[in-house]
Amino acid sequence: MNHDLEWHAGDLACGDLVLELRRRVRAAPGQIFKVTALDPGAPADLPAWCRMTGHHLLQHDPAASVFWIQAKPSAPTP
């Protein structure tokens, strides 16, 4: 799948993983991230985080521990 940015999160656990991902998606609204996350909890944590935050999980390759996430667009300024 095509992507704009790539991040190998290694074995960062859920808390650190989603905090760093949050920082990254905020800096690149609307972009597609290819995230490699080796933590065993990532297959449950990342889809749940996307649902709660409004970002879109586009695809997940469980064999490669890779997730493609599209950051939500930035909010319009008033």
Protein backbone atom coordinates (compact mmCIF):
# COMPACT_ATOMS: atom_id res chain seq x y z
CA MET A 1 0.00 0.00 0.00
CA ASN A 2 1.23 3.49 -0.77
CA HIS A 3 2.14 5.65 2.20
CA ASP A 4 3.57 9.09 2.91
CA LEU A 5 5.55 8.38 6.08
CA GLU A 6 7.04 5.30 7.67
CA TRP A 7 7.79 4.60 11.31
CA HIS A 8 9.28 1.47 12.82
CA ALA A 9 8.07 1.55 16.41
CA GLY A 10 9.97 -1.58 17.37
CA ASP A 11 8.66 -3.15 20.55
CA LEU A 12 7.28 0.03 22.15
CA ALA A 13 4.44 -0.98 24.46
CA CYS A 14 0.93 0.40 24.11
CA GLY A 15 1.27 3.58 26.16
CA ASP A 16 4.48 4.77 24.57
CA LEU A 17 3.40 3.50 21.16
CA VAL A 18 0.17 5.48 21.00
CA LEU A 19 1.68 8.60 22.58
CA GLU A 20 4.42 8.73 19.96
CA LEU A 21 1.99 7.88 17.17
CA ARG A 22 -0.30 10.68 18.38
CA ARG A 23 2.59 13.15 18.16
CA ARG A 24 3.45 11.97 14.66
CA VAL A 25 -0.08 12.08 13.21
CA ARG A 26 -0.71 15.53 14.65
CA ALA A 27 2.37 16.77 12.80
CA ALA A 28 1.14 15.31 9.48
CA PRO A 29 -2.67 15.56 9.17
CA GLY A 30 -4.20 13.58 6.32
CA GLN A 31 -1.01 11.63 5.64
CA ILE A 32 -0.81 7.84 5.44
CA PHE A 33 1.60 6.21 7.89
CA LYS A 34 3.13 2.78 7.53
CA VAL A 35 3.73 1.71 11.13
CA THR A 36 5.65 -1.41 12.09
CA ALA A 37 4.74 -2.30 15.68
CA LEU A 38 6.18 -5.47 17.20
CA ASP A 39 4.49 -5.25 20.61
CA PRO A 40 2.13 -8.24 21.03
CA GLY A 41 -0.68 -5.90 22.07
CA ALA A 42 -0.46 -3.70 18.97
CA PRO A 43 -3.00 -5.71 16.89
CA ALA A 44 -5.66 -4.89 19.49
CA ASP A 45 -4.38 -1.50 20.66
CA LEU A 46 -3.86 0.31 17.34
CA PRO A 47 -7.31 -0.40 15.85
CA ALA A 48 -8.93 0.64 19.14
CA TRP A 49 -6.84 3.83 19.23
CA CYS A 50 -7.87 4.65 15.67
CA ARG A 51 -11.57 4.18 16.51
CA MET A 52 -11.28 6.40 19.60
CA THR A 53 -9.32 9.18 17.91
CA GLY A 54 -10.92 9.35 14.45
CA HIS A 55 -7.85 8.22 12.52
CA HIS A 56 -8.39 5.49 9.91
CA LEU A 57 -6.82 2.05 10.02
CA LEU A 58 -6.58 1.36 6.31
CA GLN A 59 -4.88 -2.02 6.40
CA HIS A 60 -3.10 -4.42 8.74
CA ASP A 61 -0.61 -7.11 7.76
CA PRO A 62 -0.42 -9.37 10.84
CA ALA A 63 2.43 -11.48 9.43
CA ALA A 64 4.67 -8.41 9.10
CA SER A 65 3.28 -6.51 12.13
CA VAL A 66 2.55 -3.56 9.83
CA PHE A 67 -0.36 -1.13 10.03
CA TRP A 68 -1.33 1.56 7.53
CA ILE A 69 -3.04 4.44 9.29
CA GLN A 70 -4.37 7.61 7.73
CA ALA A 71 -4.20 10.58 10.05
CA LYS A 72 -7.43 12.54 10.19
CA PRO A 73 -7.30 15.89 8.44
CA SER A 74 -6.59 18.95 10.52
CA ALA A 75 -9.57 20.80 11.90
CA PRO A 76 -10.47 23.94 9.96
CA THR A 77 -9.50 27.17 11.66
CA PRO A 78 -12.36 29.59 12.44
